[in-house]
């Protein structure tokens, strides 16, 4: 049950991320409230993963947690790079999205009992 809740929170973070990506592609400015919501949902899910792993973590939860942590760091690095290099920021943003999607997929397998 706890894994399903974590996956739901990550799914919400992904939906907010997709919305921000759509805004980016349309050339619209992303609002700080939306960015903060995306960050808090992802960080909350990561915290939930960390507490659910205490003692009984599996290889899948470890891999999923690592991918989500990398995605979280990638999003922060992308924001920091945006002022200095737009291309580098976009490359890190693509890596951020790929790591997040891979992490969600791994965790979906974990929740499904794989």
N, C-alpha and C. Protein backbone atom coordinates (compact mmCIF):
# COMPACT_ATOMS: atom_id res chain seq x y z
N UNK A 1 0.83 -1.20 0.00
CA UNK A 1 0.00 0.00 0.00
C UNK A 1 0.87 1.26 0.00
N UNK A 2 1.91 1.25 0.81
CA UNK A 2 2.78 2.42 0.89
C UNK A 2 3.48 2.67 -0.45
N UNK A 3 3.88 1.59 -1.12
CA UNK A 3 4.52 1.72 -2.42
C UNK A 3 3.59 2.34 -3.45
N UNK A 4 2.32 1.97 -3.40
CA UNK A 4 1.34 2.53 -4.33
C UNK A 4 1.16 4.03 -4.09
N UNK A 5 1.18 4.43 -2.83
CA UNK A 5 1.06 5.86 -2.50
C UNK A 5 2.27 6.64 -3.00
N UNK A 6 3.46 6.05 -2.83
CA UNK A 6 4.68 6.70 -3.33
C UNK A 6 4.62 6.83 -4.84
N UNK A 7 4.16 5.78 -5.51
CA UNK A 7 4.03 5.81 -6.96
C UNK A 7 3.00 6.85 -7.40
N UNK A 8 1.93 7.00 -6.64
CA UNK A 8 0.93 8.02 -6.95
C UNK A 8 1.52 9.42 -6.84
N UNK A 9 2.29 9.67 -5.78
CA UNK A 9 2.91 10.99 -5.61
C UNK A 9 3.91 11.25 -6.74
N UNK A 10 4.68 10.23 -7.11
CA UNK A 10 5.61 10.39 -8.24
C UNK A 10 4.86 10.63 -9.54
N UNK A 11 3.73 9.97 -9.70
CA UNK A 11 2.90 10.20 -10.88
C UNK A 11 2.39 11.63 -10.95
N UNK A 12 2.01 12.17 -9.80
CA UNK A 12 1.58 13.57 -9.75
C UNK A 12 2.73 14.50 -10.10
N UNK A 13 3.92 14.20 -9.57
CA UNK A 13 5.10 15.00 -9.90
C UNK A 13 5.38 14.94 -11.40
N UNK A 14 5.22 13.75 -11.99
CA UNK A 14 5.43 13.60 -13.43
C UNK A 14 4.41 14.39 -14.23
N UNK A 15 3.16 14.39 -13.78
CA UNK A 15 2.13 15.17 -14.48
C UNK A 15 2.44 16.66 -14.44
N UNK A 16 2.87 17.14 -13.29
CA UNK A 16 3.25 18.55 -13.18
C UNK A 16 4.46 18.83 -14.07
N UNK A 17 5.41 17.89 -14.11
CA UNK A 17 6.58 18.03 -14.97
C UNK A 17 6.20 18.06 -16.45
N UNK A 18 5.27 17.21 -16.85
CA UNK A 18 4.79 17.22 -18.23
C UNK A 18 4.12 18.55 -18.57
N UNK A 19 3.36 19.07 -17.63
CA UNK A 19 2.72 20.37 -17.84
C UNK A 19 3.77 21.47 -18.02
N UNK A 20 4.83 21.42 -17.19
CA UNK A 20 5.89 22.42 -17.32
C UNK A 20 6.64 22.25 -18.64
N UNK A 21 6.83 21.02 -19.08
CA UNK A 21 7.46 20.79 -20.37
C UNK A 21 6.62 21.33 -21.51
N UNK A 22 5.33 21.17 -21.41
CA UNK A 22 4.41 21.71 -22.41
C UNK A 22 4.49 23.24 -22.43
N UNK A 23 4.54 23.84 -21.27
CA UNK A 23 4.70 25.29 -21.19
C UNK A 23 6.01 25.73 -21.83
N UNK A 24 7.07 24.99 -21.57
CA UNK A 24 8.38 25.31 -22.13
C UNK A 24 8.33 25.26 -23.66
N UNK A 25 7.73 24.21 -24.19
CA UNK A 25 7.65 24.07 -25.65
C UNK A 25 6.80 25.17 -26.28
N UNK A 26 5.84 25.68 -25.57
CA UNK A 26 5.00 26.77 -26.08
C UNK A 26 5.63 28.13 -25.85
N UNK A 27 6.76 28.17 -25.16
CA UNK A 27 7.44 29.43 -24.91
C UNK A 27 6.86 30.23 -23.77
N UNK A 28 6.04 29.60 -22.95
CA UNK A 28 5.43 30.28 -21.81
C UNK A 28 6.36 30.24 -20.61
N UNK A 29 6.24 31.23 -19.76
CA UNK A 29 7.05 31.27 -18.54
C UNK A 29 6.40 30.36 -17.50
N UNK A 30 7.24 29.58 -16.85
CA UNK A 30 6.75 28.68 -15.81
C UNK A 30 6.65 29.45 -14.49
N UNK A 31 5.53 29.26 -13.82
CA UNK A 31 5.30 29.96 -12.57
C UNK A 31 6.02 29.27 -11.41
N UNK A 32 6.56 30.05 -10.49
CA UNK A 32 7.29 29.47 -9.36
C UNK A 32 6.44 28.50 -8.53
N UNK A 33 5.14 28.73 -8.43
CA UNK A 33 4.28 27.84 -7.65
C UNK A 33 4.25 26.45 -8.29
N UNK A 34 4.20 26.40 -9.61
CA UNK A 34 4.17 25.11 -10.31
C UNK A 34 5.52 24.41 -10.14
N UNK A 35 6.60 25.15 -10.27
CA UNK A 35 7.94 24.57 -10.09
C UNK A 35 8.09 24.04 -8.67
N UNK A 36 7.65 24.81 -7.68
CA UNK A 36 7.73 24.39 -6.29
C UNK A 36 6.89 23.15 -6.01
N UNK A 37 5.71 23.09 -6.61
CA UNK A 37 4.85 21.91 -6.44
C UNK A 37 5.54 20.67 -7.00
N UNK A 38 6.13 20.80 -8.18
CA UNK A 38 6.86 19.70 -8.81
C UNK A 38 8.01 19.23 -7.91
N UNK A 39 8.76 20.16 -7.40
CA UNK A 39 9.90 19.85 -6.53
C UNK A 39 9.44 19.18 -5.23
N UNK A 40 8.42 19.72 -4.60
CA UNK A 40 7.95 19.17 -3.33
C UNK A 40 7.36 17.77 -3.49
N UNK A 41 6.63 17.54 -4.58
CA UNK A 41 6.08 16.20 -4.81
C UNK A 41 7.20 15.18 -5.01
N UNK A 42 8.18 15.54 -5.81
CA UNK A 42 9.30 14.61 -6.05
C UNK A 42 10.10 14.38 -4.78
N UNK A 43 10.39 15.42 -4.04
CA UNK A 43 11.16 15.28 -2.80
C UNK A 43 10.37 14.48 -1.76
N UNK A 44 9.08 14.69 -1.71
CA UNK A 44 8.24 13.92 -0.78
C UNK A 44 8.22 12.45 -1.12
N UNK A 45 8.14 12.14 -2.40
CA UNK A 45 8.17 10.74 -2.83
C UNK A 45 9.52 10.11 -2.51
N UNK A 46 10.58 10.86 -2.72
CA UNK A 46 11.93 10.35 -2.41
C UNK A 46 12.07 10.08 -0.91
N UNK A 47 11.53 10.96 -0.11
CA UNK A 47 11.56 10.77 1.34
C UNK A 47 10.74 9.53 1.73
N UNK A 48 9.60 9.35 1.09
CA UNK A 48 8.79 8.16 1.35
C UNK A 48 9.52 6.89 0.98
N UNK A 49 10.23 6.93 -0.13
CA UNK A 49 11.03 5.78 -0.54
C UNK A 49 12.12 5.48 0.49
N UNK A 50 12.78 6.53 0.95
CA UNK A 50 13.87 6.35 1.91
C UNK A 50 13.36 5.73 3.21
N UNK A 51 12.22 6.16 3.67
CA UNK A 51 11.69 5.60 4.93
C UNK A 51 11.14 4.20 4.73
N UNK A 52 10.61 3.90 3.54
CA UNK A 52 10.08 2.55 3.32
C UNK A 52 11.20 1.55 3.12
N UNK A 53 12.38 2.01 2.77
CA UNK A 53 13.52 1.12 2.54
C UNK A 53 14.23 0.74 3.82
N UNK A 54 13.98 1.43 4.89
CA UNK A 54 14.76 1.18 6.13
C UNK A 54 14.61 -0.28 6.55
N UNK A 55 15.70 -1.01 6.41
CA UNK A 55 15.72 -2.40 6.84
C UNK A 55 15.34 -3.41 5.78
N UNK A 56 14.32 -3.15 5.00
CA UNK A 56 13.81 -4.17 4.07
C UNK A 56 13.85 -3.70 2.62
N UNK A 57 14.83 -2.94 2.27
CA UNK A 57 14.92 -2.45 0.90
C UNK A 57 15.33 -3.55 -0.06
N UNK A 58 14.79 -3.50 -1.26
CA UNK A 58 15.15 -4.47 -2.30
C UNK A 58 16.02 -3.77 -3.33
N UNK A 59 16.52 -4.56 -4.26
CA UNK A 59 17.33 -3.98 -5.33
C UNK A 59 16.49 -3.02 -6.17
N UNK A 60 15.20 -3.35 -6.35
CA UNK A 60 14.34 -2.47 -7.15
C UNK A 60 14.11 -1.13 -6.45
N UNK A 61 13.86 -1.17 -5.15
CA UNK A 61 13.65 0.11 -4.45
C UNK A 61 14.93 0.93 -4.44
N UNK A 62 16.06 0.26 -4.29
CA UNK A 62 17.34 0.99 -4.31
C UNK A 62 17.58 1.63 -5.66
N UNK A 63 17.33 0.88 -6.74
CA UNK A 63 17.53 1.42 -8.08
C UNK A 63 16.55 2.56 -8.35
N UNK A 64 15.31 2.36 -7.97
CA UNK A 64 14.30 3.41 -8.17
C UNK A 64 14.63 4.67 -7.40
N UNK A 65 15.07 4.47 -6.17
CA UNK A 65 15.42 5.63 -5.34
C UNK A 65 16.63 6.37 -5.92
N UNK A 66 17.61 5.63 -6.41
CA UNK A 66 18.78 6.26 -7.02
C UNK A 66 18.37 7.07 -8.25
N UNK A 67 17.53 6.50 -9.09
CA UNK A 67 17.11 7.21 -10.30
C UNK A 67 16.30 8.47 -9.97
N UNK A 68 15.42 8.37 -8.98
CA UNK A 68 14.63 9.54 -8.59
C UNK A 68 15.54 10.61 -7.97
N UNK A 69 16.52 10.19 -7.18
CA UNK A 69 17.46 11.16 -6.60
C UNK A 69 18.27 11.84 -7.69
N UNK A 70 18.71 11.06 -8.69
CA UNK A 70 19.44 11.66 -9.82
C UNK A 70 18.55 12.64 -10.58
N UNK A 71 17.29 12.28 -10.76
CA UNK A 71 16.36 13.18 -11.45
C UNK A 71 16.17 14.47 -10.66
N UNK A 72 16.05 14.34 -9.35
CA UNK A 72 15.89 15.53 -8.50
C UNK A 72 17.10 16.44 -8.60
N UNK A 73 18.27 15.86 -8.54
CA UNK A 73 19.50 16.66 -8.66
C UNK A 73 19.62 17.26 -10.07
N UNK A 74 19.25 16.49 -11.07
CA UNK A 74 19.30 16.99 -12.44
C UNK A 74 18.40 18.20 -12.65
N UNK A 75 17.22 18.17 -12.06
CA UNK A 75 16.33 19.32 -12.17
C UNK A 75 16.92 20.56 -11.53
N UNK A 76 17.55 20.37 -10.38
CA UNK A 76 18.16 21.52 -9.70
C UNK A 76 19.36 22.05 -10.48
N UNK A 77 20.19 21.15 -11.01
CA UNK A 77 21.36 21.57 -11.79
C UNK A 77 20.92 22.28 -13.07
N UNK A 78 19.87 21.77 -13.69
CA UNK A 78 19.35 22.41 -14.90
C UNK A 78 18.92 23.85 -14.63
N UNK A 79 18.25 24.05 -13.51
CA UNK A 79 17.83 25.41 -13.16
C UNK A 79 19.03 26.32 -12.92
N UNK A 80 20.07 25.78 -12.30
CA UNK A 80 21.27 26.59 -12.05
C UNK A 80 22.02 26.91 -13.34
N UNK A 81 22.03 25.97 -14.28
CA UNK A 81 22.74 26.18 -15.54
C UNK A 81 22.01 27.11 -16.50
N UNK A 82 20.72 27.26 -16.32
CA UNK A 82 19.91 28.03 -17.26
C UNK A 82 20.44 29.44 -17.46
N UNK A 83 20.96 30.06 -16.43
CA UNK A 83 21.47 31.44 -16.55
C UNK A 83 22.78 31.51 -17.31
N UNK A 84 23.57 30.44 -17.29
CA UNK A 84 24.89 30.45 -17.90
C UNK A 84 24.90 29.84 -19.30
N UNK A 85 24.20 28.74 -19.48
CA UNK A 85 24.23 28.04 -20.75
C UNK A 85 22.89 27.36 -21.00
N UNK A 86 22.17 27.89 -21.95
CA UNK A 86 20.86 27.33 -22.28
C UNK A 86 20.95 25.92 -22.82
N UNK A 87 21.94 25.66 -23.66
CA UNK A 87 22.08 24.31 -24.24
C UNK A 87 22.43 23.27 -23.19
N UNK A 88 23.35 23.59 -22.31
CA UNK A 88 23.71 22.65 -21.25
C UNK A 88 22.52 22.41 -20.33
N UNK A 89 21.77 23.46 -20.06
CA UNK A 89 20.59 23.34 -19.23
C UNK A 89 19.56 22.41 -19.86
N UNK A 90 19.37 22.55 -21.17
CA UNK A 90 18.40 21.69 -21.86
C UNK A 90 18.86 20.23 -21.86
N UNK A 91 20.17 20.00 -22.04
CA UNK A 91 20.69 18.63 -22.02
C UNK A 91 20.48 17.99 -20.65
N UNK A 92 20.74 18.74 -19.60
CA UNK A 92 20.54 18.22 -18.25
C UNK A 92 19.06 17.99 -17.99
N UNK A 93 18.21 18.85 -18.54
CA UNK A 93 16.77 18.70 -18.38
C UNK A 93 16.26 17.42 -19.04
N UNK A 94 16.81 17.10 -20.21
CA UNK A 94 16.44 15.84 -20.88
C UNK A 94 16.88 14.65 -20.03
N UNK A 95 18.10 14.71 -19.48
CA UNK A 95 18.59 13.64 -18.60
C UNK A 95 17.71 13.54 -17.35
N UNK A 96 17.27 14.67 -16.83
CA UNK A 96 16.37 14.73 -15.67
C UNK A 96 15.08 13.98 -15.97
N UNK A 97 14.49 14.25 -17.12
CA UNK A 97 13.23 13.60 -17.49
C UNK A 97 13.43 12.10 -17.70
N UNK A 98 14.52 11.71 -18.34
CA UNK A 98 14.79 10.29 -18.59
C UNK A 98 15.02 9.53 -17.28
N UNK A 99 15.77 10.11 -16.37
CA UNK A 99 16.01 9.47 -15.08
C UNK A 99 14.71 9.33 -14.29
N UNK A 100 13.88 10.36 -14.34
CA UNK A 100 12.60 10.32 -13.63
C UNK A 100 11.69 9.24 -14.21
N UNK A 101 11.60 9.18 -15.53
CA UNK A 101 10.75 8.16 -16.15
C UNK A 101 11.26 6.76 -15.85
N UNK A 102 12.57 6.56 -15.90
CA UNK A 102 13.14 5.26 -15.59
C UNK A 102 12.88 4.89 -14.13
N UNK A 103 13.03 5.86 -13.24
CA UNK A 103 12.77 5.61 -11.82
C UNK A 103 11.33 5.25 -11.55
N UNK A 104 10.41 5.94 -12.20
CA UNK A 104 8.99 5.63 -12.04
C UNK A 104 8.70 4.23 -12.57
N UNK A 105 9.30 3.87 -13.71
CA UNK A 105 9.08 2.54 -14.27
C UNK A 105 9.61 1.45 -13.34
N UNK A 106 10.79 1.65 -12.79
CA UNK A 106 11.36 0.66 -11.87
C UNK A 106 10.49 0.53 -10.62
N UNK A 107 10.01 1.65 -10.12
CA UNK A 107 9.17 1.60 -8.92
C UNK A 107 7.80 1.00 -9.21
N UNK A 108 7.30 1.16 -10.43
CA UNK A 108 6.04 0.53 -10.81
C UNK A 108 6.19 -0.99 -10.81
N UNK A 109 7.34 -1.46 -11.26
CA UNK A 109 7.61 -2.90 -11.22
C UNK A 109 7.67 -3.37 -9.77
N UNK A 110 8.31 -2.57 -8.90
CA UNK A 110 8.40 -2.91 -7.48
C UNK A 110 7.01 -2.99 -6.85
N UNK A 111 6.17 -2.00 -7.13
CA UNK A 111 4.83 -1.98 -6.56
C UNK A 111 4.00 -3.15 -7.09
N UNK A 112 4.23 -3.49 -8.37
CA UNK A 112 3.50 -4.60 -8.97
C UNK A 112 3.94 -5.97 -8.48
N UNK A 113 5.00 -6.01 -7.70
CA UNK A 113 5.43 -7.28 -7.12
C UNK A 113 6.52 -7.96 -7.91
N UNK A 114 7.14 -7.21 -8.89
CA UNK A 114 8.17 -7.80 -9.75
C UNK A 114 9.43 -7.96 -9.03
